[in-house]
N, C-alpha and C. Protein backbone atom coordinates (compact mmCIF):
# COMPACT_ATOMS: atom_id res chain seq x y z
N MET A 1 0.86 -1.18 0.00
CA MET A 1 0.00 0.00 0.00
C MET A 1 0.90 1.23 0.00
N SER A 2 0.60 2.20 -0.83
CA SER A 2 1.41 3.41 -0.89
C SER A 2 1.13 4.29 0.32
N THR A 3 2.08 5.19 0.59
CA THR A 3 1.92 6.09 1.73
C THR A 3 0.67 6.96 1.56
N ALA A 4 0.44 7.48 0.37
CA ALA A 4 -0.74 8.32 0.14
C ALA A 4 -2.02 7.53 0.39
N ALA A 5 -2.05 6.29 -0.08
CA ALA A 5 -3.25 5.48 0.11
C ALA A 5 -3.45 5.14 1.58
N ALA A 6 -2.35 4.83 2.28
CA ALA A 6 -2.47 4.49 3.69
C ALA A 6 -2.93 5.68 4.52
N THR A 7 -2.39 6.84 4.21
CA THR A 7 -2.79 8.05 4.94
C THR A 7 -4.26 8.36 4.67
N SER A 8 -4.69 8.23 3.43
CA SER A 8 -6.08 8.55 3.12
C SER A 8 -7.03 7.50 3.70
N ALA A 9 -6.48 6.33 4.07
CA ALA A 9 -7.33 5.30 4.67
C ALA A 9 -7.70 5.64 6.11
N ARG A 10 -7.08 6.66 6.69
CA ARG A 10 -7.35 7.06 8.07
C ARG A 10 -7.82 8.50 8.14
N PRO A 11 -8.83 8.87 7.39
CA PRO A 11 -9.27 10.27 7.47
C PRO A 11 -9.81 10.57 8.87
N GLY A 12 -9.52 11.75 9.34
CA GLY A 12 -10.01 12.16 10.64
C GLY A 12 -9.22 11.62 11.82
N ALA A 13 -8.15 10.88 11.56
CA ALA A 13 -7.35 10.31 12.65
C ALA A 13 -6.20 11.24 13.01
N VAL A 14 -5.79 11.17 14.26
CA VAL A 14 -4.55 11.79 14.72
C VAL A 14 -3.65 10.65 15.16
N LEU A 15 -2.39 10.95 15.39
CA LEU A 15 -1.44 9.89 15.73
C LEU A 15 -1.89 9.06 16.93
N ALA A 16 -2.45 9.69 17.94
CA ALA A 16 -2.89 8.95 19.13
C ALA A 16 -3.95 7.92 18.81
N ASP A 17 -4.71 8.12 17.74
CA ASP A 17 -5.77 7.19 17.37
C ASP A 17 -5.22 5.86 16.85
N LEU A 18 -3.93 5.81 16.58
CA LEU A 18 -3.33 4.57 16.10
C LEU A 18 -3.12 3.57 17.23
N LEU A 19 -3.20 4.05 18.47
CA LEU A 19 -3.10 3.17 19.64
C LEU A 19 -4.45 2.52 19.90
N PRO A 20 -4.48 1.33 20.53
CA PRO A 20 -5.76 0.68 20.83
C PRO A 20 -6.69 1.62 21.62
N ASP A 21 -7.93 1.67 21.21
CA ASP A 21 -8.92 2.60 21.75
C ASP A 21 -9.49 2.11 23.08
N THR A 22 -9.01 2.73 24.17
CA THR A 22 -9.56 2.41 25.49
C THR A 22 -9.58 3.70 26.32
N ARG A 23 -10.37 3.68 27.36
CA ARG A 23 -10.42 4.83 28.28
C ARG A 23 -9.06 5.01 28.97
N VAL A 24 -8.41 3.90 29.28
CA VAL A 24 -7.09 3.95 29.92
C VAL A 24 -6.10 4.67 28.98
N ARG A 25 -6.17 4.35 27.69
CA ARG A 25 -5.30 5.02 26.72
C ARG A 25 -5.52 6.52 26.77
N ASP A 26 -6.76 6.94 26.74
CA ASP A 26 -7.07 8.37 26.72
C ASP A 26 -6.59 9.06 27.99
N ILE A 27 -6.79 8.43 29.14
CA ILE A 27 -6.33 9.01 30.40
C ILE A 27 -4.81 9.12 30.40
N ALA A 28 -4.14 8.06 29.96
CA ALA A 28 -2.68 8.07 29.92
C ALA A 28 -2.16 9.14 28.97
N LEU A 29 -2.82 9.30 27.83
CA LEU A 29 -2.39 10.32 26.87
C LEU A 29 -2.57 11.73 27.42
N VAL A 30 -3.70 11.98 28.09
CA VAL A 30 -3.94 13.30 28.68
C VAL A 30 -2.91 13.59 29.77
N LEU A 31 -2.69 12.62 30.66
CA LEU A 31 -1.69 12.81 31.71
C LEU A 31 -0.29 12.98 31.12
N GLY A 32 0.02 12.18 30.12
CA GLY A 32 1.32 12.27 29.47
C GLY A 32 1.52 13.59 28.75
N GLY A 33 0.47 14.10 28.12
CA GLY A 33 0.56 15.40 27.44
C GLY A 33 0.81 16.53 28.41
N ALA A 34 0.13 16.49 29.56
CA ALA A 34 0.35 17.51 30.58
C ALA A 34 1.77 17.41 31.13
N ALA A 35 2.22 16.18 31.40
CA ALA A 35 3.57 15.99 31.94
C ALA A 35 4.64 16.42 30.94
N LEU A 36 4.45 16.09 29.67
CA LEU A 36 5.41 16.50 28.64
C LEU A 36 5.52 18.02 28.59
N THR A 37 4.38 18.70 28.66
CA THR A 37 4.39 20.16 28.63
C THR A 37 5.11 20.71 29.86
N GLY A 38 4.84 20.12 31.02
CA GLY A 38 5.52 20.55 32.24
C GLY A 38 7.01 20.32 32.19
N LEU A 39 7.43 19.19 31.64
CA LEU A 39 8.87 18.92 31.50
C LEU A 39 9.51 19.88 30.52
N ALA A 40 8.84 20.12 29.40
CA ALA A 40 9.39 21.01 28.38
C ALA A 40 9.50 22.45 28.89
N ALA A 41 8.62 22.82 29.81
CA ALA A 41 8.68 24.17 30.39
C ALA A 41 9.93 24.38 31.22
N GLN A 42 10.55 23.28 31.65
CA GLN A 42 11.76 23.41 32.45
C GLN A 42 12.98 23.75 31.60
N ILE A 43 12.83 23.60 30.29
CA ILE A 43 13.84 24.12 29.36
C ILE A 43 13.52 25.59 29.24
N SER A 44 14.17 26.40 30.03
CA SER A 44 13.80 27.81 30.17
C SER A 44 15.05 28.68 30.14
N VAL A 45 15.07 29.61 29.20
CA VAL A 45 16.19 30.53 29.06
C VAL A 45 15.66 31.95 29.20
N PRO A 46 16.16 32.70 30.19
CA PRO A 46 15.70 34.09 30.35
C PRO A 46 16.04 34.93 29.12
N VAL A 47 15.16 35.86 28.82
CA VAL A 47 15.37 36.81 27.72
C VAL A 47 15.60 38.18 28.35
N PRO A 48 16.76 38.78 28.11
CA PRO A 48 17.02 40.11 28.69
C PRO A 48 15.92 41.11 28.32
N GLY A 49 15.41 41.81 29.32
CA GLY A 49 14.39 42.82 29.10
C GLY A 49 12.98 42.29 28.97
N SER A 50 12.80 40.98 29.19
CA SER A 50 11.47 40.39 29.06
C SER A 50 11.16 39.54 30.28
N PRO A 51 9.93 39.62 30.80
CA PRO A 51 9.55 38.72 31.89
C PRO A 51 9.16 37.32 31.39
N VAL A 52 9.25 37.12 30.08
CA VAL A 52 8.86 35.85 29.46
C VAL A 52 10.13 35.13 28.98
N PRO A 53 10.40 33.92 29.49
CA PRO A 53 11.58 33.19 29.03
C PRO A 53 11.29 32.39 27.75
N VAL A 54 12.33 32.01 27.07
CA VAL A 54 12.21 31.05 25.98
C VAL A 54 12.10 29.68 26.64
N THR A 55 11.08 28.92 26.27
CA THR A 55 10.89 27.59 26.85
C THR A 55 10.57 26.57 25.77
N GLY A 56 10.55 25.32 26.17
CA GLY A 56 10.12 24.26 25.28
C GLY A 56 8.63 24.00 25.37
N GLN A 57 7.93 24.74 26.25
CA GLN A 57 6.53 24.40 26.49
C GLN A 57 5.63 24.73 25.31
N THR A 58 5.93 25.77 24.53
CA THR A 58 5.07 26.05 23.38
C THR A 58 5.16 24.92 22.36
N PHE A 59 6.38 24.44 22.14
CA PHE A 59 6.56 23.32 21.22
C PHE A 59 5.79 22.10 21.72
N ALA A 60 5.93 21.80 23.02
CA ALA A 60 5.24 20.64 23.59
C ALA A 60 3.73 20.79 23.48
N ALA A 61 3.21 21.98 23.78
CA ALA A 61 1.76 22.19 23.73
C ALA A 61 1.22 21.97 22.32
N LEU A 62 1.92 22.48 21.32
CA LEU A 62 1.47 22.30 19.94
C LEU A 62 1.63 20.85 19.49
N LEU A 63 2.69 20.21 19.92
CA LEU A 63 2.89 18.81 19.60
C LEU A 63 1.82 17.94 20.25
N VAL A 64 1.50 18.23 21.51
CA VAL A 64 0.45 17.49 22.23
C VAL A 64 -0.89 17.66 21.52
N GLY A 65 -1.24 18.89 21.19
CA GLY A 65 -2.51 19.12 20.50
C GLY A 65 -2.59 18.39 19.17
N THR A 66 -1.52 18.47 18.41
CA THR A 66 -1.52 17.86 17.08
C THR A 66 -1.54 16.33 17.16
N ALA A 67 -0.77 15.77 18.06
CA ALA A 67 -0.69 14.31 18.15
C ALA A 67 -1.91 13.69 18.83
N LEU A 68 -2.52 14.42 19.78
CA LEU A 68 -3.63 13.84 20.54
C LEU A 68 -5.00 14.22 20.00
N GLY A 69 -5.09 15.28 19.23
CA GLY A 69 -6.38 15.75 18.75
C GLY A 69 -6.94 16.82 19.67
N ALA A 70 -8.00 17.46 19.22
CA ALA A 70 -8.54 18.62 19.93
C ALA A 70 -8.99 18.30 21.35
N GLY A 71 -9.76 17.25 21.53
CA GLY A 71 -10.30 16.94 22.86
C GLY A 71 -9.24 16.58 23.87
N ARG A 72 -8.41 15.61 23.52
CA ARG A 72 -7.35 15.20 24.44
C ARG A 72 -6.29 16.29 24.60
N GLY A 73 -6.04 17.04 23.52
CA GLY A 73 -5.09 18.15 23.62
C GLY A 73 -5.59 19.22 24.58
N PHE A 74 -6.88 19.55 24.47
CA PHE A 74 -7.48 20.51 25.39
C PHE A 74 -7.37 20.02 26.83
N LEU A 75 -7.75 18.76 27.07
CA LEU A 75 -7.71 18.22 28.43
C LEU A 75 -6.29 18.20 28.99
N SER A 76 -5.30 17.86 28.16
CA SER A 76 -3.91 17.85 28.61
C SER A 76 -3.46 19.24 29.04
N LEU A 77 -3.74 20.25 28.21
CA LEU A 77 -3.31 21.60 28.55
C LEU A 77 -4.14 22.19 29.67
N ALA A 78 -5.42 21.79 29.78
CA ALA A 78 -6.23 22.25 30.91
C ALA A 78 -5.68 21.66 32.20
N LEU A 79 -5.32 20.39 32.19
CA LEU A 79 -4.72 19.76 33.37
C LEU A 79 -3.41 20.45 33.72
N TYR A 80 -2.59 20.71 32.72
CA TYR A 80 -1.32 21.40 32.94
C TYR A 80 -1.56 22.77 33.59
N ALA A 81 -2.49 23.54 33.03
CA ALA A 81 -2.77 24.88 33.56
C ALA A 81 -3.35 24.82 34.97
N LEU A 82 -4.34 23.96 35.18
CA LEU A 82 -4.99 23.89 36.50
C LEU A 82 -4.04 23.39 37.58
N ALA A 83 -3.23 22.40 37.25
CA ALA A 83 -2.27 21.90 38.24
C ALA A 83 -1.23 22.96 38.56
N GLY A 84 -0.77 23.69 37.55
CA GLY A 84 0.18 24.77 37.79
C GLY A 84 -0.42 25.90 38.60
N MET A 85 -1.69 26.21 38.34
CA MET A 85 -2.37 27.24 39.12
C MET A 85 -2.54 26.80 40.58
N ALA A 86 -2.69 25.49 40.78
CA ALA A 86 -2.88 24.94 42.13
C ALA A 86 -1.56 24.80 42.89
N GLY A 87 -0.44 25.06 42.23
CA GLY A 87 0.84 25.03 42.92
C GLY A 87 1.86 24.03 42.44
N VAL A 88 1.52 23.17 41.48
CA VAL A 88 2.52 22.26 40.93
C VAL A 88 3.58 23.11 40.22
N PRO A 89 4.85 22.99 40.61
CA PRO A 89 5.88 23.87 40.05
C PRO A 89 6.39 23.42 38.68
N TRP A 90 5.50 23.43 37.69
CA TRP A 90 5.93 22.96 36.38
C TRP A 90 5.67 23.96 35.26
N PHE A 91 5.41 25.21 35.63
CA PHE A 91 5.45 26.27 34.62
C PHE A 91 6.92 26.60 34.37
N ALA A 92 7.20 27.52 33.50
CA ALA A 92 8.58 27.85 33.12
C ALA A 92 9.47 28.02 34.35
N ALA A 93 10.61 27.35 34.31
CA ALA A 93 11.63 27.44 35.36
C ALA A 93 11.12 27.03 36.74
N GLY A 94 10.18 26.10 36.79
CA GLY A 94 9.71 25.58 38.06
C GLY A 94 8.77 26.50 38.83
N THR A 95 8.10 27.39 38.15
CA THR A 95 7.16 28.29 38.81
C THR A 95 5.76 27.71 38.77
N SER A 96 4.85 28.37 39.49
CA SER A 96 3.44 27.97 39.48
C SER A 96 2.61 29.21 39.76
N GLY A 97 1.30 29.05 39.72
CA GLY A 97 0.39 30.16 39.99
C GLY A 97 -0.10 30.82 38.72
N TYR A 98 -0.95 31.81 38.88
CA TYR A 98 -1.55 32.47 37.72
C TYR A 98 -1.30 33.98 37.72
N THR A 99 -0.43 34.44 38.57
CA THR A 99 -0.18 35.89 38.64
C THR A 99 0.99 36.34 37.78
N ALA A 100 1.76 35.43 37.24
CA ALA A 100 2.91 35.81 36.41
C ALA A 100 2.45 36.49 35.13
N PRO A 101 3.20 37.48 34.66
CA PRO A 101 2.84 38.14 33.41
C PRO A 101 2.80 37.19 32.21
N SER A 102 3.48 36.05 32.33
CA SER A 102 3.52 35.11 31.21
C SER A 102 2.37 34.09 31.24
N PHE A 103 1.48 34.18 32.21
CA PHE A 103 0.39 33.21 32.31
C PHE A 103 -0.54 33.25 31.08
N GLY A 104 -0.64 34.38 30.44
CA GLY A 104 -1.46 34.48 29.24
C GLY A 104 -1.01 33.54 28.13
N TYR A 105 0.29 33.28 28.07
CA TYR A 105 0.79 32.34 27.07
C TYR A 105 0.28 30.93 27.36
N ILE A 106 0.15 30.57 28.62
CA ILE A 106 -0.38 29.25 28.99
C ILE A 106 -1.84 29.15 28.55
N LEU A 107 -2.60 30.22 28.76
CA LEU A 107 -3.99 30.22 28.28
C LEU A 107 -4.03 30.11 26.76
N GLY A 108 -3.11 30.81 26.10
CA GLY A 108 -3.01 30.71 24.64
C GLY A 108 -2.67 29.30 24.18
N MET A 109 -1.79 28.64 24.93
CA MET A 109 -1.42 27.26 24.58
C MET A 109 -2.61 26.32 24.71
N LEU A 110 -3.46 26.56 25.69
CA LEU A 110 -4.67 25.75 25.87
C LEU A 110 -5.56 25.84 24.64
N LEU A 111 -5.81 27.04 24.19
CA LEU A 111 -6.63 27.21 22.98
C LEU A 111 -5.90 26.70 21.74
N ALA A 112 -4.61 26.99 21.64
CA ALA A 112 -3.84 26.56 20.47
C ALA A 112 -3.80 25.05 20.34
N ALA A 113 -3.61 24.33 21.45
CA ALA A 113 -3.58 22.87 21.40
C ALA A 113 -4.91 22.33 20.87
N THR A 114 -5.99 22.97 21.25
CA THR A 114 -7.31 22.55 20.79
C THR A 114 -7.46 22.78 19.29
N VAL A 115 -7.06 23.95 18.83
CA VAL A 115 -7.21 24.29 17.41
C VAL A 115 -6.29 23.45 16.54
N VAL A 116 -5.01 23.29 16.92
CA VAL A 116 -4.12 22.48 16.09
C VAL A 116 -4.55 21.01 16.10
N GLY A 117 -5.15 20.57 17.20
CA GLY A 117 -5.69 19.21 17.24
C GLY A 117 -6.83 19.03 16.25
N ALA A 118 -7.68 20.05 16.14
CA ALA A 118 -8.77 19.99 15.15
C ALA A 118 -8.21 20.03 13.74
N LEU A 119 -7.18 20.83 13.53
CA LEU A 119 -6.54 20.89 12.19
C LEU A 119 -5.88 19.55 11.86
N ALA A 120 -5.27 18.91 12.85
CA ALA A 120 -4.64 17.61 12.61
C ALA A 120 -5.68 16.58 12.17
N ARG A 121 -6.88 16.64 12.74
CA ARG A 121 -7.95 15.71 12.33
C ARG A 121 -8.36 15.93 10.88
N ARG A 122 -8.03 17.10 10.36
CA ARG A 122 -8.33 17.40 8.96
C ARG A 122 -7.09 17.25 8.08
N GLY A 123 -6.07 16.58 8.60
CA GLY A 123 -4.87 16.32 7.81
C GLY A 123 -3.78 17.38 7.95
N GLY A 124 -3.91 18.28 8.91
CA GLY A 124 -2.94 19.35 9.07
C GLY A 124 -1.58 18.91 9.55
N ASP A 125 -1.42 17.62 9.86
CA ASP A 125 -0.13 17.10 10.32
C ASP A 125 0.46 16.07 9.36
N ARG A 126 -0.13 15.94 8.18
CA ARG A 126 0.26 14.86 7.27
C ARG A 126 1.39 15.19 6.32
N SER A 127 1.65 16.46 6.08
CA SER A 127 2.72 16.84 5.17
C SER A 127 3.44 18.06 5.74
N VAL A 128 4.63 18.32 5.22
CA VAL A 128 5.41 19.45 5.70
C VAL A 128 4.68 20.78 5.48
N PRO A 129 4.14 21.05 4.28
CA PRO A 129 3.45 22.34 4.11
C PRO A 129 2.22 22.49 5.02
N ARG A 130 1.44 21.43 5.17
CA ARG A 130 0.27 21.49 6.04
C ARG A 130 0.68 21.68 7.50
N MET A 131 1.73 20.99 7.91
CA MET A 131 2.21 21.12 9.29
C MET A 131 2.73 22.53 9.53
N ALA A 132 3.36 23.11 8.54
CA ALA A 132 3.84 24.50 8.68
C ALA A 132 2.66 25.43 8.95
N GLY A 133 1.60 25.27 8.18
CA GLY A 133 0.40 26.09 8.39
C GLY A 133 -0.23 25.85 9.75
N THR A 134 -0.28 24.60 10.17
CA THR A 134 -0.84 24.26 11.48
C THR A 134 -0.04 24.91 12.60
N MET A 135 1.28 24.84 12.51
CA MET A 135 2.13 25.45 13.54
C MET A 135 1.98 26.96 13.57
N VAL A 136 1.89 27.58 12.40
CA VAL A 136 1.72 29.05 12.36
C VAL A 136 0.42 29.44 13.03
N VAL A 137 -0.65 28.72 12.74
CA VAL A 137 -1.94 29.02 13.37
C VAL A 137 -1.82 28.89 14.89
N GLY A 138 -1.19 27.83 15.36
CA GLY A 138 -1.02 27.63 16.80
C GLY A 138 -0.21 28.75 17.45
N GLU A 139 0.88 29.14 16.82
CA GLU A 139 1.72 30.21 17.36
C GLU A 139 0.97 31.54 17.39
N VAL A 140 0.22 31.82 16.34
CA VAL A 140 -0.55 33.07 16.30
C VAL A 140 -1.54 33.12 17.46
N ILE A 141 -2.20 32.01 17.73
CA ILE A 141 -3.16 31.96 18.84
C ILE A 141 -2.45 32.21 20.17
N ILE A 142 -1.32 31.57 20.37
CA ILE A 142 -0.58 31.74 21.63
C ILE A 142 -0.21 33.21 21.83
N TYR A 143 0.31 33.84 20.80
CA TYR A 143 0.70 35.25 20.92
C TYR A 143 -0.50 36.18 21.01
N ALA A 144 -1.58 35.84 20.33
CA ALA A 144 -2.78 36.70 20.35
C ALA A 144 -3.36 36.78 21.76
N ILE A 145 -3.16 35.77 22.57
CA ILE A 145 -3.62 35.80 23.96
C ILE A 145 -2.49 36.23 24.90
N GLY A 146 -1.30 35.70 24.68
CA GLY A 146 -0.17 35.96 25.58
C GLY A 146 0.31 37.39 25.60
N VAL A 147 0.41 38.03 24.44
CA VAL A 147 0.96 39.39 24.39
C VAL A 147 0.02 40.41 25.05
N PRO A 148 -1.27 40.42 24.74
CA PRO A 148 -2.15 41.37 25.45
C PRO A 148 -2.20 41.11 26.96
N TYR A 149 -2.18 39.84 27.37
CA TYR A 149 -2.15 39.50 28.79
C TYR A 149 -0.88 40.06 29.42
N LEU A 150 0.24 39.91 28.74
CA LEU A 150 1.50 40.46 29.24
C LEU A 150 1.40 41.97 29.40
N ALA A 151 0.81 42.64 28.41
CA ALA A 151 0.67 44.10 28.49
C ALA A 151 -0.14 44.51 29.71
N LEU A 152 -1.24 43.80 29.95
CA LEU A 152 -2.08 44.13 31.11
C LEU A 152 -1.40 43.77 32.43
N ALA A 153 -0.85 42.55 32.51
CA ALA A 153 -0.27 42.08 33.76
C ALA A 153 0.99 42.84 34.16
N ALA A 154 1.78 43.27 33.16
CA ALA A 154 3.03 43.97 33.45
C ALA A 154 2.90 45.47 33.30
N ASP A 155 1.67 45.95 33.07
CA ASP A 155 1.41 47.38 32.90
C ASP A 155 2.31 47.98 31.82
N MET A 156 2.29 47.34 30.65
CA MET A 156 3.09 47.78 29.50
C MET A 156 2.15 48.27 28.41
N SER A 157 2.68 49.08 27.53
CA SER A 157 1.93 49.40 26.32
C SER A 157 1.93 48.16 25.43
N LEU A 158 1.01 48.10 24.49
CA LEU A 158 0.98 46.96 23.58
C LEU A 158 2.26 46.89 22.77
N THR A 159 2.80 48.03 22.38
CA THR A 159 4.06 48.07 21.63
C THR A 159 5.20 47.49 22.46
N ALA A 160 5.26 47.86 23.74
CA ALA A 160 6.31 47.33 24.62
C ALA A 160 6.11 45.83 24.83
N ALA A 161 4.86 45.38 24.95
CA ALA A 161 4.59 43.96 25.14
C ALA A 161 4.99 43.16 23.89
N ILE A 162 4.76 43.72 22.72
CA ILE A 162 5.19 43.05 21.48
C ILE A 162 6.71 42.95 21.44
N ALA A 163 7.39 44.03 21.84
CA ALA A 163 8.85 44.04 21.84
C ALA A 163 9.42 43.06 22.87
N ALA A 164 8.74 42.90 24.00
CA ALA A 164 9.24 42.02 25.06
C ALA A 164 8.70 40.60 24.97
N GLY A 165 7.50 40.43 24.40
CA GLY A 165 6.84 39.13 24.46
C GLY A 165 6.56 38.47 23.13
N LEU A 166 7.01 39.07 22.03
CA LEU A 166 6.81 38.46 20.71
C LEU A 166 8.09 38.46 19.90
N THR A 167 8.62 39.64 19.65
CA THR A 167 9.77 39.80 18.75
C THR A 167 10.95 38.90 19.12
N PRO A 168 11.35 38.82 20.40
CA PRO A 168 12.53 38.00 20.72
C PRO A 168 12.34 36.50 20.50
N PHE A 169 11.11 36.07 20.28
CA PHE A 169 10.80 34.64 20.22
C PHE A 169 10.58 34.11 18.80
N LEU A 170 10.56 34.99 17.82
CA LEU A 170 10.20 34.58 16.47
C LEU A 170 11.17 33.58 15.86
N ILE A 171 12.46 33.80 16.03
CA ILE A 171 13.44 32.87 15.45
C ILE A 171 13.33 31.49 16.12
N GLY A 172 13.24 31.48 17.45
CA GLY A 172 13.09 30.20 18.15
C GLY A 172 11.82 29.47 17.76
N ASP A 173 10.74 30.22 17.57
CA ASP A 173 9.49 29.59 17.16
C ASP A 173 9.58 29.02 15.75
N ALA A 174 10.32 29.70 14.89
CA ALA A 174 10.52 29.17 13.54
C ALA A 174 11.29 27.86 13.60
N LEU A 175 12.28 27.77 14.49
CA LEU A 175 13.04 26.53 14.64
C LEU A 175 12.16 25.41 15.21
N LYS A 176 11.33 25.75 16.20
CA LYS A 176 10.42 24.75 16.78
C LYS A 176 9.43 24.26 15.72
N ALA A 177 8.93 25.18 14.90
CA ALA A 177 7.99 24.80 13.84
C ALA A 177 8.67 23.88 12.83
N ALA A 178 9.92 24.19 12.49
CA ALA A 178 10.65 23.34 11.55
C ALA A 178 10.83 21.94 12.11
N LEU A 179 11.11 21.84 13.39
CA LEU A 179 11.24 20.53 14.03
C LEU A 179 9.92 19.76 13.96
N ALA A 180 8.82 20.43 14.27
CA ALA A 180 7.51 19.78 14.21
C ALA A 180 7.17 19.38 12.78
N MET A 181 7.57 20.20 11.81
CA MET A 181 7.29 19.87 10.41
C MET A 181 8.03 18.62 9.98
N GLY A 182 9.12 18.31 10.64
CA GLY A 182 9.82 17.06 10.35
C GLY A 182 9.28 15.89 11.13
N VAL A 183 8.91 16.11 12.38
CA VAL A 183 8.54 15.02 13.28
C VAL A 183 7.19 14.40 12.91
N LEU A 184 6.14 15.20 12.81
CA LEU A 184 4.80 14.62 12.65
C LEU A 184 4.57 13.99 11.28
N PRO A 185 4.89 14.67 10.18
CA PRO A 185 4.71 13.99 8.89
C PRO A 185 5.56 12.71 8.79
N THR A 186 6.75 12.72 9.39
CA THR A 186 7.59 11.53 9.39
C THR A 186 6.94 10.42 10.22
N ALA A 187 6.36 10.78 11.35
CA ALA A 187 5.67 9.78 12.17
C ALA A 187 4.52 9.14 11.40
N TRP A 188 3.79 9.93 10.62
CA TRP A 188 2.71 9.38 9.82
C TRP A 188 3.25 8.43 8.74
N LYS A 189 4.35 8.81 8.11
CA LYS A 189 4.93 7.92 7.09
C LYS A 189 5.36 6.61 7.71
N PHE A 190 5.97 6.69 8.89
CA PHE A 190 6.39 5.46 9.59
C PHE A 190 5.17 4.62 9.96
N ALA A 191 4.13 5.25 10.49
CA ALA A 191 2.91 4.52 10.88
C ALA A 191 2.24 3.88 9.68
N ASP A 192 2.26 4.56 8.55
CA ASP A 192 1.60 4.03 7.36
C ASP A 192 2.35 2.86 6.75
N ARG A 193 3.63 2.70 7.09
CA ARG A 193 4.39 1.53 6.60
C ARG A 193 4.08 0.28 7.39
N LYS A 194 3.52 0.45 8.58
CA LYS A 194 3.22 -0.70 9.45
C LYS A 194 1.98 -1.42 8.99
């Protein structure tokens, strides 16, 4: 069976759907997605002049949403956010709570994981060009919520929030998107050979 035929044989599927369908699977995937995001957030590099560090959590959140689908992606990021708000120290650099100026990015990741998961169900993770578009949509959502939240929480102008909470991250986000563009379409090709 060709790769194109195998991929088209699974319309509406995300990578997680290739595992046996059980409630235990879904619970494990949601818990695993939250844990992966929490672990990735510990990859944290301060950005001079910004209260927002460069982290691996945006990449993890978009990967979780795309691989698990909208529902499980939403639940994973909701669990991540709620546990962090309750005091689990797994936000960037081992922090927790909801008062940090960067908390808006976590809310953005929650919505972005849901949207990219829906796009993945429509084939948004099956090829490099589609995955590029999916990642761009996810990043735009994260910044559309995170930057205004930063402006309000840090009492900054929107221009200052863009300079501190968007501009320094564009190159890193492009690299993360490139990594995702290689990982997910490749995973589908590997799965379709099985």
